[in-house]
N, C-alpha and C. Protein backbone atom coordinates (compact mmCIF):
# COMPACT_ATOMS: atom_id res chain seq x y z
N MET A 1 0.83 -1.19 0.00
CA MET A 1 0.00 0.00 0.00
C MET A 1 0.87 1.25 0.00
N GLU A 2 1.87 1.27 0.88
CA GLU A 2 2.74 2.43 0.96
C GLU A 2 3.51 2.63 -0.34
N THR A 3 3.91 1.53 -0.97
CA THR A 3 4.66 1.61 -2.22
C THR A 3 3.80 2.24 -3.30
N ALA A 4 2.55 1.84 -3.42
CA ALA A 4 1.66 2.40 -4.44
C ALA A 4 1.44 3.89 -4.21
N LEU A 5 1.30 4.29 -2.95
CA LEU A 5 1.09 5.70 -2.63
C LEU A 5 2.33 6.52 -2.93
N SER A 6 3.49 6.00 -2.53
CA SER A 6 4.73 6.74 -2.77
C SER A 6 5.04 6.79 -4.27
N GLU A 7 4.69 5.74 -5.03
CA GLU A 7 4.90 5.75 -6.48
C GLU A 7 4.01 6.80 -7.12
N ARG A 8 2.78 6.93 -6.64
CA ARG A 8 1.86 7.91 -7.20
C ARG A 8 2.34 9.33 -6.93
N ARG A 9 2.93 9.56 -5.79
CA ARG A 9 3.38 10.90 -5.43
C ARG A 9 4.79 11.22 -5.94
N SER A 10 5.43 10.25 -6.54
CA SER A 10 6.80 10.49 -7.00
C SER A 10 6.81 11.24 -8.33
N ASN A 11 7.98 11.67 -8.72
CA ASN A 11 8.15 12.35 -10.00
C ASN A 11 8.74 11.42 -11.05
N ALA A 12 8.52 10.11 -10.90
CA ALA A 12 9.06 9.14 -11.84
C ALA A 12 8.57 9.44 -13.25
N GLY A 13 9.50 9.57 -14.15
CA GLY A 13 9.18 9.83 -15.54
C GLY A 13 9.09 11.31 -15.90
N PHE A 14 9.19 12.18 -14.91
CA PHE A 14 9.03 13.61 -15.18
C PHE A 14 10.17 14.15 -16.05
N GLU A 15 11.40 13.70 -15.77
CA GLU A 15 12.53 14.17 -16.57
C GLU A 15 12.36 13.78 -18.03
N GLU A 16 11.87 12.57 -18.27
CA GLU A 16 11.62 12.13 -19.64
C GLU A 16 10.56 13.01 -20.31
N PHE A 17 9.50 13.32 -19.58
CA PHE A 17 8.42 14.16 -20.10
C PHE A 17 8.95 15.54 -20.50
N ILE A 18 9.68 16.19 -19.60
CA ILE A 18 10.23 17.52 -19.89
C ILE A 18 11.30 17.43 -20.98
N GLY A 19 12.07 16.36 -20.98
CA GLY A 19 13.11 16.17 -21.98
C GLY A 19 12.56 16.14 -23.40
N ILE A 20 11.35 15.65 -23.57
CA ILE A 20 10.73 15.63 -24.90
C ILE A 20 10.49 17.04 -25.39
N PHE A 21 10.04 17.93 -24.51
CA PHE A 21 9.84 19.33 -24.89
C PHE A 21 11.18 19.99 -25.26
N VAL A 22 12.19 19.71 -24.45
CA VAL A 22 13.51 20.29 -24.70
C VAL A 22 14.05 19.79 -26.05
N ALA A 23 13.94 18.49 -26.30
CA ALA A 23 14.43 17.91 -27.55
C ALA A 23 13.67 18.46 -28.76
N ALA A 24 12.40 18.81 -28.57
CA ALA A 24 11.59 19.36 -29.67
C ALA A 24 11.88 20.83 -29.91
N GLY A 25 12.61 21.48 -29.01
CA GLY A 25 12.96 22.88 -29.19
C GLY A 25 11.98 23.86 -28.59
N LYS A 26 11.10 23.40 -27.71
CA LYS A 26 10.15 24.30 -27.06
C LYS A 26 10.87 25.12 -26.00
N PRO A 27 10.84 26.46 -26.11
CA PRO A 27 11.47 27.28 -25.07
C PRO A 27 10.70 27.18 -23.75
N LEU A 28 11.39 26.83 -22.68
CA LEU A 28 10.77 26.69 -21.36
C LEU A 28 11.52 27.57 -20.36
N ASN A 29 10.79 27.99 -19.34
CA ASN A 29 11.45 28.68 -18.23
C ASN A 29 11.16 27.90 -16.95
N ALA A 30 11.73 28.34 -15.86
CA ALA A 30 11.58 27.62 -14.59
C ALA A 30 10.12 27.53 -14.15
N GLY A 31 9.32 28.56 -14.44
CA GLY A 31 7.91 28.54 -14.07
C GLY A 31 7.13 27.48 -14.83
N ASP A 32 7.44 27.30 -16.13
CA ASP A 32 6.78 26.26 -16.93
C ASP A 32 7.06 24.88 -16.35
N VAL A 33 8.31 24.64 -16.04
CA VAL A 33 8.71 23.34 -15.51
C VAL A 33 8.11 23.12 -14.12
N ALA A 34 8.12 24.14 -13.28
CA ALA A 34 7.58 24.01 -11.91
C ALA A 34 6.08 23.73 -11.93
N ALA A 35 5.35 24.40 -12.82
CA ALA A 35 3.90 24.17 -12.90
C ALA A 35 3.61 22.74 -13.33
N ALA A 36 4.37 22.24 -14.28
CA ALA A 36 4.18 20.85 -14.72
C ALA A 36 4.59 19.87 -13.63
N GLN A 37 5.62 20.22 -12.87
CA GLN A 37 6.10 19.34 -11.81
C GLN A 37 5.08 19.20 -10.68
N VAL A 38 4.25 20.22 -10.49
CA VAL A 38 3.19 20.15 -9.49
C VAL A 38 2.08 19.21 -9.97
N LEU A 39 1.77 19.24 -11.25
CA LEU A 39 0.68 18.43 -11.80
C LEU A 39 1.07 16.98 -12.01
N TRP A 40 2.34 16.73 -12.30
CA TRP A 40 2.79 15.38 -12.64
C TRP A 40 2.46 14.34 -11.57
N PRO A 41 2.75 14.57 -10.29
CA PRO A 41 2.44 13.54 -9.28
C PRO A 41 0.95 13.28 -9.10
N LEU A 42 0.11 14.16 -9.57
CA LEU A 42 -1.33 13.97 -9.43
C LEU A 42 -1.89 13.00 -10.46
N LEU A 43 -1.09 12.66 -11.48
CA LEU A 43 -1.53 11.73 -12.51
C LEU A 43 -1.28 10.29 -12.08
N SER A 44 -2.11 9.39 -12.55
CA SER A 44 -1.87 7.97 -12.28
C SER A 44 -0.69 7.50 -13.12
N PHE A 45 -0.16 6.34 -12.78
CA PHE A 45 0.97 5.80 -13.52
C PHE A 45 0.60 5.62 -14.99
N GLU A 46 -0.60 5.13 -15.26
CA GLU A 46 -1.06 4.93 -16.64
C GLU A 46 -1.18 6.26 -17.38
N ASP A 47 -1.72 7.28 -16.72
CA ASP A 47 -1.84 8.60 -17.36
C ASP A 47 -0.46 9.18 -17.66
N ARG A 48 0.49 8.94 -16.81
CA ARG A 48 1.85 9.43 -17.07
C ARG A 48 2.43 8.78 -18.32
N ARG A 49 2.23 7.47 -18.40
CA ARG A 49 2.73 6.72 -19.56
C ARG A 49 2.07 7.22 -20.84
N LEU A 50 0.76 7.38 -20.79
CA LEU A 50 0.03 7.86 -21.96
C LEU A 50 0.39 9.31 -22.31
N ALA A 51 0.64 10.13 -21.31
CA ALA A 51 1.03 11.53 -21.55
C ALA A 51 2.36 11.60 -22.28
N ILE A 52 3.31 10.79 -21.86
CA ILE A 52 4.62 10.78 -22.53
C ILE A 52 4.47 10.32 -23.97
N PHE A 53 3.70 9.28 -24.19
CA PHE A 53 3.48 8.78 -25.55
C PHE A 53 2.78 9.84 -26.41
N ALA A 54 1.74 10.48 -25.85
CA ALA A 54 0.96 11.46 -26.61
C ALA A 54 1.76 12.71 -26.94
N ILE A 55 2.55 13.22 -25.98
CA ILE A 55 3.28 14.45 -26.26
C ILE A 55 4.40 14.18 -27.26
N GLU A 56 5.02 13.03 -27.18
CA GLU A 56 6.06 12.72 -28.17
C GLU A 56 5.47 12.65 -29.57
N LYS A 57 4.33 12.01 -29.70
CA LYS A 57 3.66 11.93 -31.00
C LYS A 57 3.26 13.33 -31.49
N GLN A 58 2.70 14.15 -30.62
CA GLN A 58 2.26 15.48 -31.00
C GLN A 58 3.43 16.38 -31.39
N LEU A 59 4.51 16.35 -30.61
CA LEU A 59 5.64 17.22 -30.89
C LEU A 59 6.41 16.78 -32.14
N ARG A 60 6.39 15.51 -32.46
CA ARG A 60 7.01 15.05 -33.71
C ARG A 60 6.22 15.57 -34.91
N ALA A 61 4.91 15.73 -34.74
CA ALA A 61 4.06 16.18 -35.85
C ALA A 61 3.97 17.70 -35.94
N THR A 62 4.46 18.42 -34.94
CA THR A 62 4.37 19.88 -34.91
C THR A 62 5.65 20.46 -35.49
N GLU A 63 5.50 21.32 -36.49
CA GLU A 63 6.66 21.84 -37.19
C GLU A 63 7.38 22.95 -36.42
N SER A 64 6.63 23.84 -35.80
CA SER A 64 7.24 25.01 -35.16
C SER A 64 7.04 24.96 -33.64
N PRO A 65 8.06 25.32 -32.88
CA PRO A 65 7.90 25.37 -31.42
C PRO A 65 6.80 26.32 -30.96
N ALA A 66 6.46 27.31 -31.79
CA ALA A 66 5.41 28.26 -31.42
C ALA A 66 4.05 27.57 -31.27
N PHE A 67 3.86 26.45 -31.96
CA PHE A 67 2.58 25.76 -31.92
C PHE A 67 2.56 24.58 -30.95
N MET A 68 3.61 24.45 -30.16
CA MET A 68 3.69 23.37 -29.18
C MET A 68 3.08 23.84 -27.87
N PRO A 69 2.36 22.98 -27.17
CA PRO A 69 1.79 23.39 -25.88
C PRO A 69 2.87 23.48 -24.82
N LEU A 70 2.60 24.24 -23.78
CA LEU A 70 3.48 24.25 -22.62
C LEU A 70 3.21 22.98 -21.81
N PRO A 71 4.20 22.47 -21.09
CA PRO A 71 4.01 21.21 -20.36
C PRO A 71 2.82 21.21 -19.41
N ALA A 72 2.66 22.26 -18.62
CA ALA A 72 1.55 22.28 -17.65
C ALA A 72 0.20 22.33 -18.37
N ASN A 73 0.11 23.10 -19.44
CA ASN A 73 -1.15 23.16 -20.19
C ASN A 73 -1.48 21.80 -20.80
N PHE A 74 -0.46 21.11 -21.29
CA PHE A 74 -0.69 19.79 -21.86
C PHE A 74 -1.21 18.83 -20.79
N LEU A 75 -0.62 18.88 -19.60
CA LEU A 75 -1.07 17.99 -18.52
C LEU A 75 -2.47 18.34 -18.04
N ARG A 76 -2.78 19.64 -17.96
CA ARG A 76 -4.13 20.05 -17.54
C ARG A 76 -5.20 19.61 -18.55
N ALA A 77 -4.89 19.72 -19.83
CA ALA A 77 -5.87 19.41 -20.87
C ALA A 77 -6.16 17.91 -20.99
N LYS A 78 -5.20 17.08 -20.61
CA LYS A 78 -5.34 15.62 -20.71
C LYS A 78 -5.83 15.19 -22.09
N SER A 79 -5.15 15.68 -23.11
CA SER A 79 -5.59 15.38 -24.48
C SER A 79 -5.48 13.90 -24.82
N TRP A 80 -4.67 13.16 -24.13
CA TRP A 80 -4.53 11.73 -24.40
C TRP A 80 -5.78 10.95 -24.01
N THR A 81 -6.71 11.57 -23.28
CA THR A 81 -7.94 10.88 -22.87
C THR A 81 -9.07 11.08 -23.88
N ARG A 82 -8.89 11.97 -24.86
CA ARG A 82 -9.96 12.27 -25.82
C ARG A 82 -9.87 11.39 -27.04
N THR A 83 -11.03 11.03 -27.54
CA THR A 83 -11.10 10.32 -28.82
C THR A 83 -12.04 11.08 -29.73
N ALA A 84 -11.69 11.13 -30.99
CA ALA A 84 -12.51 11.86 -31.96
C ALA A 84 -13.33 10.86 -32.76
N PRO A 85 -14.59 11.22 -33.07
CA PRO A 85 -15.37 10.35 -33.93
C PRO A 85 -14.81 10.39 -35.35
N PRO A 86 -15.18 9.44 -36.18
CA PRO A 86 -14.67 9.46 -37.55
C PRO A 86 -15.11 10.72 -38.28
N ARG A 87 -14.29 11.19 -39.18
CA ARG A 87 -14.57 12.40 -39.95
C ARG A 87 -15.71 12.15 -40.92
N THR A 88 -16.72 13.04 -40.90
CA THR A 88 -17.85 12.90 -41.82
C THR A 88 -17.90 14.01 -42.84
N LEU A 89 -17.23 15.15 -42.57
CA LEU A 89 -17.18 16.22 -43.55
C LEU A 89 -16.10 15.93 -44.58
N PRO A 90 -16.36 16.25 -45.83
CA PRO A 90 -15.31 16.02 -46.83
C PRO A 90 -14.15 16.97 -46.61
N TYR A 91 -12.97 16.50 -46.91
CA TYR A 91 -11.77 17.32 -46.76
C TYR A 91 -11.39 17.88 -48.12
N ASP A 92 -11.36 19.21 -48.24
CA ASP A 92 -10.93 19.85 -49.47
C ASP A 92 -9.46 20.21 -49.34
N LYS A 93 -8.69 19.74 -50.29
CA LYS A 93 -7.28 20.08 -50.28
C LYS A 93 -7.14 21.57 -50.53
N PRO A 94 -6.14 22.20 -49.94
CA PRO A 94 -5.95 23.65 -50.14
C PRO A 94 -5.87 24.04 -51.62
N SER A 95 -5.30 23.16 -52.45
CA SER A 95 -5.19 23.49 -53.87
C SER A 95 -6.57 23.62 -54.52
N LYS A 96 -7.54 22.82 -54.09
CA LYS A 96 -8.90 22.92 -54.62
C LYS A 96 -9.55 24.23 -54.19
N ILE A 97 -9.30 24.65 -52.98
CA ILE A 97 -9.86 25.90 -52.48
C ILE A 97 -9.28 27.07 -53.27
N ILE A 98 -7.99 27.04 -53.53
CA ILE A 98 -7.35 28.10 -54.31
C ILE A 98 -7.92 28.15 -55.72
N ASP A 99 -8.13 26.98 -56.32
CA ASP A 99 -8.73 26.94 -57.66
C ASP A 99 -10.11 27.58 -57.67
N ARG A 100 -10.91 27.29 -56.65
CA ARG A 100 -12.26 27.88 -56.57
C ARG A 100 -12.20 29.38 -56.38
N LEU A 101 -11.26 29.85 -55.56
CA LEU A 101 -11.11 31.29 -55.36
C LEU A 101 -10.67 31.98 -56.65
N GLU A 102 -9.77 31.36 -57.38
CA GLU A 102 -9.32 31.95 -58.64
C GLU A 102 -10.46 32.02 -59.65
N LYS A 103 -11.29 30.97 -59.70
CA LYS A 103 -12.45 30.97 -60.61
C LYS A 103 -13.44 32.06 -60.20
N ALA A 104 -13.66 32.21 -58.91
CA ALA A 104 -14.58 33.24 -58.43
C ALA A 104 -14.04 34.63 -58.75
N TRP A 105 -12.75 34.83 -58.57
CA TRP A 105 -12.12 36.12 -58.89
C TRP A 105 -12.24 36.42 -60.38
N GLN A 106 -12.01 35.41 -61.21
CA GLN A 106 -12.13 35.60 -62.65
C GLN A 106 -13.57 35.95 -63.03
N TYR A 107 -14.53 35.29 -62.40
CA TYR A 107 -15.94 35.58 -62.66
C TYR A 107 -16.26 37.04 -62.31
N LEU A 108 -15.79 37.48 -61.14
CA LEU A 108 -16.03 38.88 -60.74
C LEU A 108 -15.37 39.86 -61.70
N LYS A 109 -14.20 39.55 -62.19
CA LYS A 109 -13.53 40.42 -63.16
C LYS A 109 -14.31 40.45 -64.49
N ASP A 110 -14.80 39.29 -64.92
CA ASP A 110 -15.57 39.22 -66.17
C ASP A 110 -16.86 39.99 -66.07
N GLU A 111 -17.45 40.02 -64.91
CA GLU A 111 -18.72 40.74 -64.69
C GLU A 111 -18.48 42.24 -64.47
N GLY A 112 -17.24 42.63 -64.31
CA GLY A 112 -16.92 44.03 -64.12
C GLY A 112 -17.07 44.52 -62.69
N VAL A 113 -17.22 43.60 -61.78
CA VAL A 113 -17.38 43.96 -60.36
C VAL A 113 -16.01 44.23 -59.73
N ALA A 114 -15.03 43.46 -60.13
CA ALA A 114 -13.70 43.60 -59.52
C ALA A 114 -12.72 44.24 -60.48
């Protein structure tokens, strides 16, 4: 019993979690790290494992550090617990949208509006 409680309150895995942000190039300060360090022991062992997996996946897919979450915000949001339903709206590639805008612009020019 004591072991489970002390494991829950420990910071096991926290260095790995913060290290992922550092390796991804996210600028952090002492306040960012301290806020995350307060939240980390409140997570279950499974949530910690899933958080590390989720942030590594997210940061690998994020191109710019400006779009990366701060560690404490990521832990508060618990994004690893959310599941999205399958996509039902059609996805228009940006090139198709540009083509439609160009056609609309040409139409307005032909009509003398633009």
